Amino acid sequence: MAADCAHLTEVDLRAEIERVMPMSIPQRIGAYGSRGFLARALWIAAQWQGLQQAADACRSTLHRAYVKMGETYTRNPTIEEARHRVPQLGHVLAQSLDAEIRALDHEAPW
């Protein structure tokens, strides 16, 4: 997305606007009203709009993740509670690993 934004800043529309600015008002109206200029301006506006929508969706998703992380953090045990739970969790993990190893050994062709 950042690369797309950078690309939009390099579009030569600004240079064309600066080239036309010194012209007379009727010439400027003609240049800015040309189909090519209008098409490029609309294309750039559409790209900016698309990037804005993508950025909004990204911000919204990041905000939801941040809120979820905050909710999860509040449910974390205290240090003392965690130390108390370590032996139990270690035992459960060891049993899970043993079961997984037995299943792999059972599937092994040798």
Protein backbone atom coordinates (compact mmCIF):
# COMPACT_ATOMS: atom_id res chain seq x y z
CA MET A 1 0.00 0.00 0.00
CA ALA A 2 2.85 2.35 0.81
CA ALA A 3 4.38 1.67 -2.60
CA ASP A 4 1.07 2.47 -4.29
CA CYS A 5 0.85 5.77 -2.38
CA ALA A 6 4.42 6.61 -3.37
CA HIS A 7 3.60 5.81 -6.99
CA LEU A 8 0.62 8.17 -6.92
CA THR A 9 2.84 11.01 -5.75
CA GLU A 10 5.03 10.48 -8.81
CA VAL A 11 2.16 10.90 -11.28
CA ASP A 12 2.89 13.62 -13.82
CA LEU A 13 -0.51 15.29 -13.42
CA ARG A 14 0.97 17.90 -11.09
CA ALA A 15 3.63 18.74 -13.69
CA GLU A 16 0.93 19.13 -16.33
CA ILE A 17 -1.05 21.44 -14.03
CA GLU A 18 2.05 23.56 -13.45
CA ARG A 19 2.74 23.65 -17.20
CA VAL A 20 -0.80 24.89 -17.93
CA MET A 21 -1.01 27.45 -15.08
CA PRO A 22 0.76 30.31 -16.95
CA MET A 23 -1.65 30.00 -19.89
CA SER A 24 -4.64 32.24 -20.38
CA ILE A 25 -7.92 31.34 -18.70
CA PRO A 26 -9.57 30.01 -21.89
CA GLN A 27 -6.49 27.89 -22.63
CA ARG A 28 -6.48 26.52 -19.06
CA ILE A 29 -10.17 25.70 -19.28
CA GLY A 30 -9.51 23.85 -22.52
CA ALA A 31 -6.53 21.95 -21.09
CA TYR A 32 -8.22 21.03 -17.81
CA GLY A 33 -11.42 20.10 -19.63
CA SER A 34 -9.76 17.77 -22.10
CA ARG A 35 -10.82 14.14 -21.94
CA GLY A 36 -7.25 12.94 -21.34
CA PHE A 37 -6.68 15.27 -18.40
CA LEU A 38 -10.06 14.47 -16.86
CA ALA A 39 -9.51 10.73 -17.30
CA ARG A 40 -6.11 10.89 -15.59
CA ALA A 41 -7.49 13.04 -12.77
CA LEU A 42 -10.41 10.64 -12.22
CA TRP A 43 -8.06 7.64 -12.31
CA ILE A 44 -5.81 9.19 -9.67
CA ALA A 45 -8.82 10.13 -7.53
CA ALA A 46 -10.14 6.56 -7.78
CA GLN A 47 -6.77 5.14 -6.76
CA TRP A 48 -6.54 7.50 -3.79
CA GLN A 49 -10.08 6.54 -2.77
CA GLY A 50 -9.24 2.82 -3.01
CA LEU A 51 -6.09 3.29 -0.95
CA GLN A 52 -8.06 5.30 1.61
CA GLN A 53 -10.60 2.49 1.96
CA ALA A 54 -7.81 -0.07 2.33
CA ALA A 55 -6.14 2.09 4.99
CA ASP A 56 -9.44 2.51 6.85
CA ALA A 57 -9.98 -1.26 6.83
CA CYS A 58 -6.42 -1.79 8.07
CA ARG A 59 -6.88 0.73 10.90
CA SER A 60 -10.18 -0.88 11.87
CA THR A 61 -8.65 -4.36 11.92
CA LEU A 62 -5.66 -3.17 13.96
CA HIS A 63 -7.99 -1.46 16.44
CA ARG A 64 -10.05 -4.65 16.87
CA ALA A 65 -6.84 -6.65 17.40
CA TYR A 66 -5.63 -4.09 19.96
CA VAL A 67 -8.93 -4.29 21.85
CA LYS A 68 -8.82 -8.10 21.75
CA MET A 69 -5.24 -8.10 23.04
CA GLY A 70 -6.31 -5.83 25.89
CA GLU A 71 -9.16 -8.17 26.78
CA THR A 72 -6.81 -11.16 26.67
CA TYR A 73 -4.24 -9.34 28.79
CA THR A 74 -6.78 -8.69 31.54
CA ARG A 75 -7.49 -12.44 31.72
CA ASN A 76 -3.82 -13.36 32.12
CA PRO A 77 -2.93 -14.86 35.48
CA THR A 78 -0.74 -12.97 37.91
CA ILE A 79 2.89 -14.06 38.31
CA GLU A 80 2.03 -16.00 41.46
CA GLU A 81 -0.92 -17.73 39.78
CA ALA A 82 1.22 -18.59 36.78
CA ARG A 83 3.97 -20.07 38.97
CA HIS A 84 1.36 -22.15 40.74
CA ARG A 85 -0.05 -23.44 37.43
CA VAL A 86 3.31 -24.29 35.77
CA PRO A 87 3.63 -27.84 37.11
CA GLN A 88 0.09 -28.72 36.07
CA LEU A 89 0.48 -27.18 32.61
CA GLY A 90 3.86 -28.86 32.17
CA HIS A 91 2.31 -32.23 33.00
CA VAL A 92 -0.50 -31.69 30.47
CA LEU A 93 2.02 -30.63 27.82
CA ALA A 94 4.18 -33.69 28.47
CA GLN A 95 1.15 -35.98 28.14
CA SER A 96 0.16 -34.29 24.88
CA LEU A 97 3.68 -34.69 23.49
CA ASP A 98 3.83 -38.34 24.54
CA ALA A 99 0.52 -39.03 22.80
CA GLU A 100 1.71 -37.28 19.65
CA ILE A 101 5.00 -39.22 19.65
CA ARG A 102 3.14 -42.52 20.13
CA ALA A 103 0.86 -41.66 17.19
CA LEU A 104 3.86 -40.86 14.99
CA ASP A 105 5.61 -44.06 16.05
CA HIS A 106 2.47 -46.03 15.22
CA GLU A 107 2.35 -44.47 11.73
CA ALA A 108 6.07 -45.01 11.02
CA PRO A 109 6.75 -47.65 8.36
CA TRP A 110 9.62 -49.32 10.27
